[in-house]
Amino acid sequence: MAKHLTQTDVEAILSIIYAWKEEKLTWEGICEASAPVIGKNPTRQSLNANKLIKEAYSSKKSTLKVHGPITPKPSNLTMAGERIARLQSEIESLKRKNALLLEQFVIWQYNAYKYGVKEHQLNESLPRIDRERTES
């Protein structure tokens, strides 16, 4: 039973979710698959409480519903190597972009604190646009 997951544990569990090949994705399945990797058996609740894991789970679940399990088969090893290199490059690019966005968020978070903006003000929903209205 894992109450607290370390950053390493979270990354390992995210890798398990991203690499999920079975048709059905469940919290119990993730718990069972992650136990040998992280050395402890996490609970469904502890996985669901982590925002990154929850988002990855939802994304993978919806992908599996729409497309089913994806197992691309390249016609030869050269094409497979090129595809792997392209995907690794794309992953690195996305990691850099994500790091920049997280950095920007920290700046915004500090400035919001500095100028006294409250969390409920930041989470306020956007105004509704009335597209039915005409101006004369």
Protein backbone atom coordinates (compact mmCIF):
# COMPACT_ATOMS: atom_id res chain seq x y z
CA MET A 1 0.00 0.00 0.00
CA ALA A 2 1.62 3.22 -1.16
CA LYS A 3 0.40 6.46 0.32
CA HIS A 4 3.12 8.64 -1.12
CA LEU A 5 4.64 8.22 -4.54
CA THR A 6 8.06 9.67 -5.28
CA GLN A 7 8.79 11.51 -8.51
CA THR A 8 10.67 8.42 -9.73
CA ASP A 9 7.65 6.24 -8.94
CA VAL A 10 5.36 8.63 -10.83
CA GLU A 11 7.63 8.61 -13.88
CA ALA A 12 7.79 4.80 -13.84
CA ILE A 13 4.00 4.54 -13.59
CA LEU A 14 3.57 7.08 -16.41
CA SER A 15 5.87 4.95 -18.58
CA ILE A 16 3.75 1.90 -17.82
CA ILE A 17 0.58 3.75 -18.83
CA TYR A 18 2.11 5.15 -22.03
CA ALA A 19 3.39 1.70 -23.04
CA TRP A 20 0.11 -0.11 -22.20
CA LYS A 21 -0.59 -2.64 -24.96
CA GLU A 22 -3.67 -4.46 -23.71
CA GLU A 23 -7.11 -3.51 -24.94
CA LYS A 24 -8.52 -2.78 -21.47
CA LEU A 25 -6.87 -0.28 -19.14
CA THR A 26 -7.85 -0.40 -15.46
CA TRP A 27 -6.48 1.09 -12.26
CA GLU A 28 -6.05 -2.42 -10.85
CA GLY A 29 -4.04 -3.44 -13.92
CA ILE A 30 -1.76 -0.44 -13.52
CA CYS A 31 -1.32 -1.22 -9.81
CA GLU A 32 -0.33 -4.81 -10.61
CA ALA A 33 2.02 -3.79 -13.43
CA SER A 34 3.73 -1.09 -11.38
CA ALA A 35 4.31 -3.17 -8.23
CA PRO A 36 7.43 -4.98 -9.54
CA VAL A 37 8.80 -1.79 -11.09
CA ILE A 38 8.53 0.57 -8.10
CA GLY A 39 8.89 -2.07 -5.40
CA LYS A 40 5.55 -1.47 -3.71
CA ASN A 41 1.93 -2.05 -4.61
CA PRO A 42 0.25 1.35 -5.03
CA THR A 43 -3.45 1.72 -4.39
CA ARG A 44 -5.94 2.90 -6.96
CA GLN A 45 -6.65 5.90 -4.75
CA SER A 46 -2.99 6.96 -4.55
CA LEU A 47 -2.67 6.69 -8.35
CA ASN A 48 -5.92 8.60 -8.88
CA ALA A 49 -4.78 11.32 -6.46
CA ASN A 50 -1.74 12.14 -8.61
CA LYS A 51 -2.71 14.66 -11.31
CA LEU A 52 -0.11 13.53 -13.88
CA ILE A 53 -1.03 9.86 -13.52
CA LYS A 54 -4.73 10.64 -13.65
CA GLU A 55 -4.35 12.70 -16.84
CA ALA A 56 -2.19 10.03 -18.50
CA TYR A 57 -4.74 7.37 -17.52
CA SER A 58 -7.65 9.35 -18.95
CA SER A 59 -5.77 10.12 -22.14
CA LYS A 60 -4.68 6.51 -22.71
CA LYS A 61 -8.16 5.22 -21.85
CA SER A 62 -9.80 7.51 -24.42
CA THR A 63 -7.17 6.61 -27.03
CA LEU A 64 -7.82 2.90 -26.47
CA LYS A 65 -11.58 3.46 -26.80
CA VAL A 66 -11.24 5.27 -30.11
CA HIS A 67 -8.34 3.47 -31.78
CA GLY A 68 -7.82 0.27 -29.81
CA PRO A 69 -4.32 -0.91 -28.94
CA ILE A 70 -1.80 0.56 -31.36
CA THR A 71 0.99 -1.75 -32.52
CA PRO A 72 2.53 -0.28 -35.65
CA LYS A 73 4.63 -2.69 -37.69
CA PRO A 74 7.27 -1.11 -39.92
CA SER A 75 8.18 -2.96 -43.10
CA ASN A 76 11.90 -3.12 -42.28
CA LEU A 77 14.44 -2.32 -39.57
CA THR A 78 15.69 0.83 -41.31
CA MET A 79 12.23 2.35 -41.28
CA ALA A 80 11.76 1.26 -37.68
CA GLY A 81 15.05 2.90 -36.69
CA GLU A 82 14.11 6.12 -38.47
CA ARG A 83 10.71 6.14 -36.78
CA ILE A 84 12.26 5.56 -33.36
CA ALA A 85 14.76 8.39 -33.92
CA ARG A 86 11.97 10.73 -35.07
CA LEU A 87 9.80 9.87 -32.08
CA GLN A 88 12.69 10.31 -29.65
CA SER A 89 13.41 13.70 -31.16
CA GLU A 90 9.75 14.64 -30.85
CA ILE A 91 9.69 13.50 -27.23
CA GLU A 92 12.76 15.60 -26.39
CA SER A 93 11.19 18.60 -28.09
CA LEU A 94 7.97 18.16 -26.15
CA LYS A 95 9.90 17.76 -22.89
CA ARG A 96 11.69 21.06 -23.52
CA LYS A 97 8.42 22.78 -24.39
CA ASN A 98 6.80 21.37 -21.24
CA ALA A 99 9.71 22.58 -19.10
CA LEU A 100 9.36 26.09 -20.57
CA LEU A 101 5.62 26.09 -19.88
CA LEU A 102 6.20 24.94 -16.30
CA GLU A 103 8.77 27.71 -15.88
CA GLN A 104 6.27 30.26 -17.22
CA PHE A 105 3.65 28.94 -14.83
CA VAL A 106 5.98 29.40 -11.85
CA ILE A 107 6.58 33.01 -12.92
CA TRP A 108 2.84 33.62 -13.20
CA GLN A 109 2.27 31.92 -9.86
CA TYR A 110 4.85 34.15 -8.17
CA ASN A 111 3.45 37.31 -9.76
CA ALA A 112 -0.08 36.36 -8.76
CA TYR A 113 1.13 35.93 -5.16
CA LYS A 114 3.14 39.17 -5.33
CA TYR A 115 0.16 41.23 -6.51
CA GLY A 116 -2.37 39.58 -4.22
CA VAL A 117 -4.38 37.64 -6.80
CA LYS A 118 -6.32 34.91 -5.01
CA GLU A 119 -6.60 31.32 -6.28
CA HIS A 120 -10.37 31.54 -6.74
CA GLN A 121 -9.80 34.60 -8.97
CA LEU A 122 -7.33 32.66 -11.11
CA ASN A 123 -9.72 29.71 -11.41
CA GLU A 124 -12.67 31.88 -12.38
CA SER A 125 -14.33 30.58 -15.54
CA LEU A 126 -14.12 32.49 -18.80
CA PRO A 127 -17.02 34.77 -19.73
CA ARG A 128 -19.63 33.21 -21.97
CA ILE A 129 -19.78 34.62 -25.50
CA ASP A 130 -23.26 35.20 -26.85
CA ARG A 131 -22.96 34.41 -30.55
CA GLU A 132 -26.69 34.82 -31.14
CA ARG A 133 -26.63 38.54 -30.46
CA THR A 134 -26.30 41.00 -33.35
CA GLU A 135 -25.03 44.55 -33.16
CA SER A 136 -26.86 47.22 -35.18
